[in-house]
PDB file of N, CA and C in Angstrom:
ATOM      1  N   UNK A   1     -14.691  -0.691  14.768  1.00  0.00           N
ATOM      2  CA  UNK A   1     -14.005  -1.609  13.791  1.00  0.00           C
ATOM      3  C   UNK A   1     -13.957  -2.638  14.079  1.00  0.00           C
ATOM      4  N   UNK A   2     -14.084  -3.991  13.430  1.00  0.00           N
ATOM      5  CA  UNK A   2     -13.870  -5.051  13.343  1.00  0.00           C
ATOM      6  C   UNK A   2     -12.537  -5.426  13.894  1.00  0.00           C
ATOM      7  N   UNK A   3     -12.408  -6.869  14.489  1.00  0.00           N
ATOM      8  CA  UNK A   3     -11.079  -6.884  15.051  1.00  0.00           C
ATOM      9  C   UNK A   3     -10.553  -7.824  14.077  1.00  0.00           C
ATOM     10  N   UNK A   4      -9.107  -7.601  13.672  1.00  0.00           N
ATOM     11  CA  UNK A   4      -8.331  -8.133  12.900  1.00  0.00           C
ATOM     12  C   UNK A   4      -8.428  -9.692  13.184  1.00  0.00           C
ATOM     13  N   UNK A   5      -8.255 -10.591  11.734  1.00  0.00           N
ATOM     14  CA  UNK A   5      -8.246 -11.847  12.214  1.00  0.00           C
ATOM     15  C   UNK A   5      -6.648 -12.276  12.027  1.00  0.00           C
ATOM     16  N   UNK A   6      -6.199 -13.227  12.619  1.00  0.00           N
ATOM     17  CA  UNK A   6      -4.913 -14.044  12.704  1.00  0.00           C
ATOM     18  C   UNK A   6      -4.360 -13.793  11.238  1.00  0.00           C
ATOM     19  N   UNK A   7      -4.877 -14.070  10.046  1.00  0.00           N
ATOM     20  CA  UNK A   7      -4.236 -13.975   8.602  1.00  0.00           C
ATOM     21  C   UNK A   7      -3.979 -12.415   8.529  1.00  0.00           C
ATOM     22  N   UNK A   8      -4.723 -11.360   8.523  1.00  0.00           N
ATOM     23  CA  UNK A   8      -4.634  -9.854   8.782  1.00  0.00           C
ATOM     24  C   UNK A   8      -3.517  -9.436   9.418  1.00  0.00           C
ATOM     25  N   UNK A   9      -3.625  -9.930  10.837  1.00  0.00           N
ATOM     26  CA  UNK A   9      -2.368  -9.509  11.612  1.00  0.00           C
ATOM     27  C   UNK A   9      -0.736  -9.942  11.036  1.00  0.00           C
ATOM     28  N   UNK A  10      -0.841 -11.044  10.847  1.00  0.00           N
ATOM     29  CA  UNK A  10       0.666 -11.671  10.330  1.00  0.00           C
ATOM     30  C   UNK A  10       0.663 -11.067   8.961  1.00  0.00           C
ATOM     31  N   UNK A  11      -0.283 -10.392   8.173  1.00  0.00           N
ATOM     32  CA  UNK A  11       0.135  -9.412   7.172  1.00  0.00           C
ATOM     33  C   UNK A  11       0.690  -8.373   7.325  1.00  0.00           C
ATOM     34  N   UNK A  12       0.132  -7.857   8.588  1.00  0.00           N
ATOM     35  CA  UNK A  12       0.685  -6.603   9.320  1.00  0.00           C
ATOM     36  C   UNK A  12       2.006  -6.384   9.979  1.00  0.00           C
ATOM     37  N   UNK A  13       1.963  -7.535  10.663  1.00  0.00           N
ATOM     38  CA  UNK A  13       3.148  -8.094  10.935  1.00  0.00           C
ATOM     39  C   UNK A  13       4.812  -7.639  10.120  1.00  0.00           C
ATOM     40  N   UNK A  14       4.432  -8.701   9.189  1.00  0.00           N
ATOM     41  CA  UNK A  14       4.763  -8.448   7.670  1.00  0.00           C
ATOM     42  C   UNK A  14       5.346  -7.244   7.390  1.00  0.00           C
ATOM     43  N   UNK A  15       4.582  -6.169   7.063  1.00  0.00           N
ATOM     44  CA  UNK A  15       4.523  -5.294   6.781  1.00  0.00           C
ATOM     45  C   UNK A  15       4.693  -4.213   7.454  1.00  0.00           C
ATOM     46  N   UNK A  16       5.130  -4.276   8.923  1.00  0.00           N
ATOM     47  CA  UNK A  16       5.784  -3.483  10.051  1.00  0.00           C
ATOM     48  C   UNK A  16       6.963  -3.765  10.298  1.00  0.00           C
ATOM     49  N   UNK A  17       7.000  -4.841   9.585  1.00  0.00           N
ATOM     50  CA  UNK A  17       8.808  -5.265   9.899  1.00  0.00           C
ATOM     51  C   UNK A  17       9.911  -4.387  10.043  1.00  0.00           C
ATOM     52  N   UNK A  18       9.910  -3.876   8.743  1.00  0.00           N
ATOM     53  CA  UNK A  18      10.468  -3.055   8.282  1.00  0.00           C
ATOM     54  C   UNK A  18      10.565  -1.482   8.895  1.00  0.00           C
ATOM     55  N   UNK A  19       9.702  -1.072   9.143  1.00  0.00           N
ATOM     56  CA  UNK A  19       8.869  -0.119   9.590  1.00  0.00           C
ATOM     57  C   UNK A  19      10.277   0.495  11.102  1.00  0.00           C
ATOM     58  N   UNK A  20      10.474   1.652  11.192  1.00  0.00           N
ATOM     59  CA  UNK A  20      11.322   2.657  12.273  1.00  0.00           C
ATOM     60  C   UNK A  20       9.937   2.944  12.874  1.00  0.00           C
ATOM     61  N   UNK A  21       9.869   2.865  14.734  1.00  0.00           N
ATOM     62  CA  UNK A  21       9.181   3.712  15.363  1.00  0.00           C
ATOM     63  C   UNK A  21       9.475   5.027  15.301  1.00  0.00           C
ATOM     64  N   UNK A  22       8.195   5.563  14.868  1.00  0.00           N
ATOM     65  CA  UNK A  22       8.386   6.788  14.612  1.00  0.00           C
ATOM     66  C   UNK A  22       7.663   8.063  15.558  1.00  0.00           C
ATOM     67  N   UNK A  23       7.472   7.175  16.974  1.00  0.00           N
ATOM     68  CA  UNK A  23       7.040   8.416  18.071  1.00  0.00           C
ATOM     69  C   UNK A  23       7.600   7.623  19.314  1.00  0.00           C
ATOM     70  N   UNK A  24       7.745   8.063  19.952  1.00  0.00           N
ATOM     71  CA  UNK A  24       8.372   7.512  21.441  1.00  0.00           C
ATOM     72  C   UNK A  24       7.297   7.869  23.008  1.00  0.00           C
ATOM     73  N   UNK A  25       7.118   7.074  23.645  1.00  0.00           N
ATOM     74  CA  UNK A  25       5.884   7.717  24.712  1.00  0.00           C
ATOM     75  C   UNK A  25       7.223   8.500  25.514  1.00  0.00           C
ATOM     76  N   UNK A  26       6.869   9.371  26.379  1.00  0.00           N
ATOM     77  CA  UNK A  26       8.136   9.918  26.965  1.00  0.00           C
ATOM     78  C   UNK A  26       7.447   9.858  28.682  1.00  0.00           C
ATOM     79  N   UNK A  27       7.967  10.435  29.501  1.00  0.00           N
ATOM     80  CA  UNK A  27       8.114  10.143  30.724  1.00  0.00           C
ATOM     81  C   UNK A  27       6.807  10.495  31.772  1.00  0.00           C
ATOM     82  N   UNK A  28       5.902  11.318  31.098  1.00  0.00           N
ATOM     83  CA  UNK A  28       4.371  11.482  31.125  1.00  0.00           C
ATOM     84  C   UNK A  28       3.458  10.421  30.900  1.00  0.00           C
ATOM     85  N   UNK A  29       4.087   9.422  29.923  1.00  0.00           N
ATOM     86  CA  UNK A  29       3.220   8.209  29.684  1.00  0.00           C
ATOM     87  C   UNK A  29       2.073   8.597  28.550  1.00  0.00           C
ATOM     88  N   UNK A  30       1.131   8.225  28.433  1.00  0.00           N
ATOM     89  CA  UNK A  30      -0.052   8.235  27.221  1.00  0.00           C
ATOM     90  C   UNK A  30      -0.951   9.392  27.933  1.00  0.00           C
ATOM     91  N   UNK A  31      -0.572  10.578  27.286  1.00  0.00           N
ATOM     92  CA  UNK A  31      -0.881  11.664  27.641  1.00  0.00           C
ATOM     93  C   UNK A  31      -2.121  12.464  26.351  1.00  0.00           C
ATOM     94  N   UNK A  32      -2.691  13.279  26.328  1.00  0.00           N
ATOM     95  CA  UNK A  32      -3.798  14.029  25.449  1.00  0.00           C
ATOM     96  C   UNK A  32      -2.780  14.391  24.192  1.00  0.00           C
ATOM     97  N   UNK A  33      -1.490  14.786  24.585  1.00  0.00           N
ATOM     98  CA  UNK A  33      -0.730  15.099  23.610  1.00  0.00           C
ATOM     99  C   UNK A  33      -0.174  13.866  22.470  1.00  0.00           C
ATOM    100  N   UNK A  34       0.433  13.122  23.391  1.00  0.00           N
ATOM    101  CA  UNK A  34       0.450  11.345  22.756  1.00  0.00           C
ATOM    102  C   UNK A  34      -0.451  11.066  21.655  1.00  0.00           C
ATOM    103  N   UNK A  35      -1.931  11.327  22.413  1.00  0.00           N
ATOM    104  CA  UNK A  35      -2.646  11.128  21.719  1.00  0.00           C
ATOM    105  C   UNK A  35      -3.334  11.901  20.125  1.00  0.00           C
ATOM    106  N   UNK A  36      -2.782  12.192  20.218  1.00  0.00           N
ATOM    107  CA  UNK A  36      -3.287  13.495  19.287  1.00  0.00           C
ATOM    108  C   UNK A  36      -1.900  13.609  18.460  1.00  0.00           C
ATOM    109  N   UNK A  37      -0.653  13.260  18.744  1.00  0.00           N
ATOM    110  CA  UNK A  37       0.207  12.912  17.605  1.00  0.00           C
ATOM    111  C   UNK A  37      -0.127  11.598  17.289  1.00  0.00           C
ATOM    112  N   UNK A  38      -0.822  10.709  17.716  1.00  0.00           N
ATOM    113  CA  UNK A  38      -0.931   9.314  16.978  1.00  0.00           C
ATOM    114  C   UNK A  38      -2.107   9.853  15.802  1.00  0.00           C
ATOM    115  N   UNK A  39      -2.986  10.108  16.471  1.00  0.00           N
ATOM    116  CA  UNK A  39      -3.910  10.671  15.270  1.00  0.00           C
ATOM    117  C   UNK A  39      -3.503  11.472  13.982  1.00  0.00           C
ATOM    118  N   UNK A  40      -2.793  12.365  14.033  1.00  0.00           N
ATOM    119  CA  UNK A  40      -2.014  13.043  13.381  1.00  0.00           C
ATOM    120  C   UNK A  40      -1.137  12.089  12.622  1.00  0.00           C
ATOM    121  N   UNK A  41      -0.629  11.249  13.046  1.00  0.00           N
ATOM    122  CA  UNK A  41      -0.085  10.289  12.341  1.00  0.00           C
ATOM    123  C   UNK A  41      -0.541   9.629  11.442  1.00  0.00           C
ATOM    124  N   UNK A  42      -1.454   9.032  11.935  1.00  0.00           N
ATOM    125  CA  UNK A  42      -2.596   8.076  11.043  1.00  0.00           C
ATOM    126  C   UNK A  42      -3.121   8.887   9.933  1.00  0.00           C
ATOM    127  N   UNK A  43      -3.176  10.223  10.082  1.00  0.00           N
ATOM    128  CA  UNK A  43      -3.352  11.284   8.665  1.00  0.00           C
ATOM    129  C   UNK A  43      -2.684  10.833   7.314  1.00  0.00           C
ATOM    130  N   UNK A  44      -1.689  10.162   8.016  1.00  0.00           N
ATOM    131  CA  UNK A  44      -0.668  10.331   6.830  1.00  0.00           C
ATOM    132  C   UNK A  44      -0.219   8.766   6.584  1.00  0.00           C
ATOM    133  N   UNK A  45      -0.517   7.951   7.409  1.00  0.00           N
ATOM    134  CA  UNK A  45      -0.027   6.697   7.344  1.00  0.00           C
ATOM    135  C   UNK A  45      -1.259   5.525   8.157  1.00  0.00           C
ATOM    136  N   UNK A  46      -1.020   4.348   7.331  1.00  0.00           N
ATOM    137  CA  UNK A  46      -2.208   3.302   8.050  1.00  0.00           C
ATOM    138  C   UNK A  46      -1.073   2.281   9.260  1.00  0.00           C
ATOM    139  N   UNK A  47      -0.089   2.483   9.029  1.00  0.00           N
ATOM    140  CA  UNK A  47       0.550   1.394  10.068  1.00  0.00           C
ATOM    141  C   UNK A  47       1.723   2.515  10.671  1.00  0.00           C
ATOM    142  N   UNK A  48       1.573   2.265  12.107  1.00  0.00           N
ATOM    143  CA  UNK A  48       2.863   2.984  12.388  1.00  0.00           C
ATOM    144  C   UNK A  48       3.255   2.011  13.919  1.00  0.00           C
ATOM    145  N   UNK A  49       4.894   2.311  13.836  1.00  0.00           N
ATOM    146  CA  UNK A  49       5.266   1.763  15.237  1.00  0.00           C
ATOM    147  C   UNK A  49       5.452   2.890  16.192  1.00  0.00           C
ATOM    148  N   UNK A  50       5.473   2.710  17.520  1.00  0.00           N
ATOM    149  CA  UNK A  50       5.680   3.829  18.680  1.00  0.00           C
ATOM    150  C   UNK A  50       6.544   2.829  19.898  1.00  0.00           C
ATOM    151  N   UNK A  51       7.154   3.634  20.311  1.00  0.00           N
ATOM    152  CA  UNK A  51       8.346   3.000  21.082  1.00  0.00           C
ATOM    153  C   UNK A  51       7.800   3.538  22.435  1.00  0.00           C
ATOM    154  N   UNK A  52       8.261   2.188  23.438  1.00  0.00           N
ATOM    155  CA  UNK A  52       8.043   2.818  24.876  1.00  0.00           C
ATOM    156  C   UNK A  52       9.115   2.383  25.742  1.00  0.00           C
ATOM    157  N   UNK A  53       9.873   3.454  25.802  1.00  0.00           N
ATOM    158  CA  UNK A  53      11.311   3.444  26.621  1.00  0.00           C
ATOM    159  C   UNK A  53      11.081   2.674  28.356  1.00  0.00           C
ATOM    160  N   UNK A  54      12.415   2.722  28.800  1.00  0.00           N
ATOM    161  CA  UNK A  54      12.425   2.434  30.253  1.00  0.00           C
ATOM    162  C   UNK A  54      11.774   3.475  30.831  1.00  0.00           C
ATOM    163  N   UNK A  55      11.995   4.875  30.267  1.00  0.00           N
ATOM    164  CA  UNK A  55      11.536   5.715  31.118  1.00  0.00           C
ATOM    165  C   UNK A  55      10.275   6.081  31.397  1.00  0.00           C
ATOM    166  N   UNK A  56       9.298   5.512  30.332  1.00  0.00           N
ATOM    167  CA  UNK A  56       7.871   5.506  30.436  1.00  0.00           C
ATOM    168  C   UNK A  56       7.324   5.033  31.447  1.00  0.00           C
ATOM    169  N   UNK A  57       6.039   5.968  32.661  1.00  0.00           N
ATOM    170  CA  UNK A  57       5.634   5.078  33.363  1.00  0.00           C
ATOM    171  C   UNK A  57       5.237   4.077  33.453  1.00  0.00           C
ATOM    172  N   UNK A  58       4.702   3.294  31.995  1.00  0.00           N
ATOM    173  CA  UNK A  58       4.018   2.010  32.078  1.00  0.00           C
ATOM    174  C   UNK A  58       4.614   1.249  30.955  1.00  0.00           C
ATOM    175  N   UNK A  59       4.214   0.035  31.275  1.00  0.00           N
ATOM    176  CA  UNK A  59       5.344  -0.906  30.174  1.00  0.00           C
ATOM    177  C   UNK A  59       4.379  -0.723  28.760  1.00  0.00           C
ATOM    178  N   UNK A  60       4.892  -1.762  27.793  1.00  0.00           N
ATOM    179  CA  UNK A  60       4.405  -1.505  26.301  1.00  0.00           C
ATOM    180  C   UNK A  60       3.153  -2.337  26.131  1.00  0.00           C
ATOM    181  N   UNK A  61       2.633  -3.213  26.997  1.00  0.00           N
ATOM    182  CA  UNK A  61       1.402  -3.995  26.707  1.00  0.00           C
ATOM    183  C   UNK A  61       0.635  -3.035  27.451  1.00  0.00           C
ATOM    184  N   UNK A  62       0.309  -2.417  28.541  1.00  0.00           N
ATOM    185  CA  UNK A  62      -0.712  -1.314  29.378  1.00  0.00           C
ATOM    186  C   UNK A  62      -0.505  -0.215  28.383  1.00  0.00           C
ATOM    187  N   UNK A  63       0.391   0.433  27.935  1.00  0.00           N
ATOM    188  CA  UNK A  63       0.415   1.863  26.990  1.00  0.00           C
ATOM    189  C   UNK A  63      -0.292   1.410  25.689  1.00  0.00           C
ATOM    190  N   UNK A  64      -0.009   0.102  25.169  1.00  0.00           N
ATOM    191  CA  UNK A  64      -0.948  -0.014  23.782  1.00  0.00           C
ATOM    192  C   UNK A  64      -2.506  -0.372  24.207  1.00  0.00           C
ATOM    193  N   UNK A  65      -2.729  -0.682  25.313  1.00  0.00           N
ATOM    194  CA  UNK A  65      -4.056  -0.826  25.997  1.00  0.00           C
ATOM    195  C   UNK A  65      -4.828   0.161  25.949  1.00  0.00           C
ATOM    196  N   UNK A  66      -3.991   1.220  26.508  1.00  0.00           N
ATOM    197  CA  UNK A  66      -4.576   2.370  26.559  1.00  0.00           C
ATOM    198  C   UNK A  66      -4.495   3.261  25.094  1.00  0.00           C
ATOM    199  N   UNK A  67      -3.826   3.306  24.397  1.00  0.00           N
ATOM    200  CA  UNK A  67      -4.157   3.893  23.056  1.00  0.00           C
ATOM    201  C   UNK A  67      -5.326   3.460  22.327  1.00  0.00           C
ATOM    202  N   UNK A  68      -5.388   2.127  22.283  1.00  0.00           N
ATOM    203  CA  UNK A  68      -6.518   1.499  21.315  1.00  0.00           C
ATOM    204  C   UNK A  68      -7.914   1.669  22.131  1.00  0.00           C
ATOM    205  N   UNK A  69      -7.472   2.023  23.473  1.00  0.00           N
ATOM    206  CA  UNK A  69      -9.210   2.445  24.265  1.00  0.00           C
ATOM    207  C   UNK A  69      -9.996   3.791  23.875  1.00  0.00           C
ATOM    208  N   UNK A  70      -8.203   4.682  23.876  1.00  0.00           N
ATOM    209  CA  UNK A  70      -8.607   6.303  23.506  1.00  0.00           C
ATOM    210  C   UNK A  70      -8.820   6.497  22.276  1.00  0.00           C
ATOM    211  N   UNK A  71      -8.543   5.886  21.059  1.00  0.00           N
ATOM    212  CA  UNK A  71      -8.361   6.146  20.133  1.00  0.00           C
ATOM    213  C   UNK A  71      -9.464   5.654  19.093  1.00  0.00           C
ATOM    214  N   UNK A  72     -10.389   6.237  18.427  1.00  0.00           N
ATOM    215  CA  UNK A  72     -11.258   5.242  17.372  1.00  0.00           C
ATOM    216  C   UNK A  72     -10.618   4.544  16.402  1.00  0.00           C
ATOM    217  N   UNK A  73     -11.257   3.619  15.871  1.00  0.00           N
ATOM    218  CA  UNK A  73     -10.641   2.404  14.907  1.00  0.00           C
ATOM    219  C   UNK A  73      -9.295   2.313  14.866  1.00  0.00           C
ATOM    220  N   UNK A  74      -8.794   2.790  16.127  1.00  0.00           N
ATOM    221  CA  UNK A  74      -7.203   1.937  16.101  1.00  0.00           C
ATOM    222  C   UNK A  74      -6.798   0.519  16.480  1.00  0.00           C
ATOM    223  N   UNK A  75      -6.274  -0.682  15.508  1.00  0.00           N
ATOM    224  CA  UNK A  75      -6.023  -2.059  15.891  1.00  0.00           C
ATOM    225  C   UNK A  75      -4.800  -2.241  16.445  1.00  0.00           C
ATOM    226  N   UNK A  76      -4.943  -2.706  17.228  1.00  0.00           N
ATOM    227  CA  UNK A  76      -3.260  -3.319  17.836  1.00  0.00           C
ATOM    228  C   UNK A  76      -2.774  -4.404  17.094  1.00  0.00           C
ATOM    229  N   UNK A  77      -1.868  -4.194  16.715  1.00  0.00           N
ATOM    230  CA  UNK A  77      -1.421  -5.501  15.538  1.00  0.00           C
ATOM    231  C   UNK A  77      -0.599  -6.193  16.366  1.00  0.00           C
ATOM    232  N   UNK A  78       0.332  -5.762  17.116  1.00  0.00           N
ATOM    233  CA  UNK A  78       1.452  -6.359  18.090  1.00  0.00           C
ATOM    234  C   UNK A  78       2.559  -5.844  18.828  1.00  0.00           C
ATOM    235  N   UNK A  79       2.287  -5.897  20.299  1.00  0.00           N
ATOM    236  CA  UNK A  79       3.551  -5.349  20.895  1.00  0.00           C
ATOM    237  C   UNK A  79       4.508  -6.564  20.892  1.00  0.00           C
ATOM    238  N   UNK A  80       5.824  -6.121  20.443  1.00  0.00           N
ATOM    239  CA  UNK A  80       7.347  -7.097  20.922  1.00  0.00           C
ATOM    240  C   UNK A  80       8.202  -5.873  21.824  1.00  0.00           C
ATOM    241  N   UNK A  81       8.489  -6.945  22.701  1.00  0.00           N
ATOM    242  CA  UNK A  81       9.467  -5.926  23.421  1.00  0.00           C
ATOM    243  C   UNK A  81       9.076  -4.578  23.482  1.00  0.00           C
ATOM    244  N   UNK A  82       9.526  -3.766  23.509  1.00  0.00           N
ATOM    245  CA  UNK A  82       9.122  -2.108  23.783  1.00  0.00           C
ATOM    246  C   UNK A  82       8.706  -1.568  22.641  1.00  0.00           C
ATOM    247  N   UNK A  83       7.875  -2.201  21.669  1.00  0.00           N
ATOM    248  CA  UNK A  83       7.687  -1.829  20.599  1.00  0.00           C
ATOM    249  C   UNK A  83       6.352  -1.688  20.235  1.00  0.00           C
ATOM    250  N   UNK A  84       5.056  -0.813  19.908  1.00  0.00           N
ATOM    251  CA  UNK A  84       4.170  -1.145  20.056  1.00  0.00           C
ATOM    252  C   UNK A  84       3.485  -1.031  18.406  1.00  0.00           C
ATOM    253  N   UNK A  85       2.974  -2.020  17.791  1.00  0.00           N
ATOM    254  CA  UNK A  85       2.624  -1.627  16.141  1.00  0.00           C
ATOM    255  C   UNK A  85       1.444  -1.799  15.940  1.00  0.00           C
ATOM    256  N   UNK A  86       0.597  -0.121  15.501  1.00  0.00           N
ATOM    257  CA  UNK A  86      -0.838   0.007  15.372  1.00  0.00           C
ATOM    258  C   UNK A  86      -1.214   0.221  14.041  1.00  0.00           C
ATOM    259  N   UNK A  87      -2.569  -0.099  13.809  1.00  0.00           N
ATOM    260  CA  UNK A  87      -3.220  -0.132  12.407  1.00  0.00           C
ATOM    261  C   UNK A  87      -4.242   0.797  12.151  1.00  0.00           C
ATOM    262  N   UNK A  88      -4.600   1.885  11.534  1.00  0.00           N
ATOM    263  CA  UNK A  88      -5.800   1.917  11.300  1.00  0.00           C
ATOM    264  C   UNK A  88      -5.888   2.542   9.668  1.00  0.00           C
ATOM    265  N   UNK A  89      -6.726   1.920   9.299  1.00  0.00           N
ATOM    266  CA  UNK A  89      -7.194   2.028   7.880  1.00  0.00           C
ATOM    267  C   UNK A  89      -7.483   3.234   7.455  1.00  0.00           C
ATOM    268  N   UNK A  90      -7.158   4.045   6.251  1.00  0.00           N
ATOM    269  CA  UNK A  90      -7.093   5.446   6.109  1.00  0.00           C
ATOM    270  C   UNK A  90      -8.833   5.379   5.588  1.00  0.00           C
ATOM    271  N   UNK A  91      -9.723   6.600   5.845  1.00  0.00           N
ATOM    272  CA  UNK A  91     -11.213   6.334   5.922  1.00  0.00           C
ATOM    273  C   UNK A  91     -11.666   6.400   4.343  1.00  0.00           C
ATOM    274  N   UNK A  92     -11.048   7.410   3.366  1.00  0.00           N
ATOM    275  CA  UNK A  92     -11.119   7.639   2.224  1.00  0.00           C
ATOM    276  C   UNK A  92     -10.013   7.022   1.279  1.00  0.00           C
ATOM    277  N   UNK A  93      -8.703   6.597   1.633  1.00  0.00           N
ATOM    278  CA  UNK A  93      -8.137   6.406   0.727  1.00  0.00           C
ATOM    279  C   UNK A  93      -7.153   5.069   1.513  1.00  0.00           C
ATOM    280  N   UNK A  94      -7.733   4.070   1.700  1.00  0.00           N
ATOM    281  CA  UNK A  94      -6.897   2.871   2.178  1.00  0.00           C
ATOM    282  C   UNK A  94      -5.775   2.491   1.158  1.00  0.00           C
ATOM    283  N   UNK A  95      -4.743   2.475   1.873  1.00  0.00           N
ATOM    284  CA  UNK A  95      -3.287   1.752   1.131  1.00  0.00           C
ATOM    285  C   UNK A  95      -3.368   0.640   0.782  1.00  0.00           C
ATOM    286  N   UNK A  96      -3.160   0.052   2.289  1.00  0.00           N
ATOM    287  CA  UNK A  96      -3.084  -1.527   2.727  1.00  0.00           C
ATOM    288  C   UNK A  96      -4.157  -2.108   2.360  1.00  0.00           C
ATOM    289  N   UNK A  97      -4.378  -3.372   1.859  1.00  0.00           N
ATOM    290  CA  UNK A  97      -5.266  -3.937   1.130  1.00  0.00           C
ATOM    291  C   UNK A  97      -5.203  -5.266   1.950  1.00  0.00           C
ATOM    292  N   UNK A  98      -5.490  -5.956   2.940  1.00  0.00           N
ATOM    293  CA  UNK A  98      -5.759  -6.334   3.783  1.00  0.00           C
ATOM    294  C   UNK A  98      -6.033  -8.096   3.321  1.00  0.00           C
ATOM    295  N   UNK A  99      -5.327  -8.839   3.436  1.00  0.00           N
ATOM    296  CA  UNK A  99      -6.296 -10.438   3.088  1.00  0.00           C
ATOM    297  C   UNK A  99      -7.558 -10.704   3.845  1.00  0.00           C
ATOM    298  N   UNK A 100      -8.462 -11.230   2.788  1.00  0.00           N
ATOM    299  CA  UNK A 100      -9.652 -11.758   3.581  1.00  0.00           C
ATOM    300  C   UNK A 100      -9.258 -13.141   3.742  1.00  0.00           C
ATOM    301  N   UNK A 101     -10.001 -13.029   5.042  1.00  0.00           N
ATOM    302  CA  UNK A 101     -10.297 -14.490   6.016  1.00  0.00           C
ATOM    303  C   UNK A 101     -10.761 -15.439   4.959  1.00  0.00           C
ATOM    304  N   UNK A 102     -10.270 -16.480   4.843  1.00  0.00           N
ATOM    305  CA  UNK A 102     -10.857 -17.865   4.453  1.00  0.00           C
ATOM    306  C   UNK A 102     -11.219 -19.196   5.206  1.00  0.00           C
TER     307      UNK A 102
END
């Protein structure tokens, strides 16, 4: 997937602002189970927040890098504090229409 341009990233940040984290990384960190959970969540939504608590073995930046590198077509929108915002358009019926870069 192409990387998001700044305008698209800003748009997604605005949409994510009101979302609550839907998944929390556990003490084991980014495991196959966590990755499968994220994959399953992307079946029903395109934008999601993941919380990385202090008890996780890695910080939010490192966790975000691992998620994006191990899951196909997932874009990192932002890491803010201990929260990761991820985006992946639904392949069949995208709901979020990203602005075109001009």
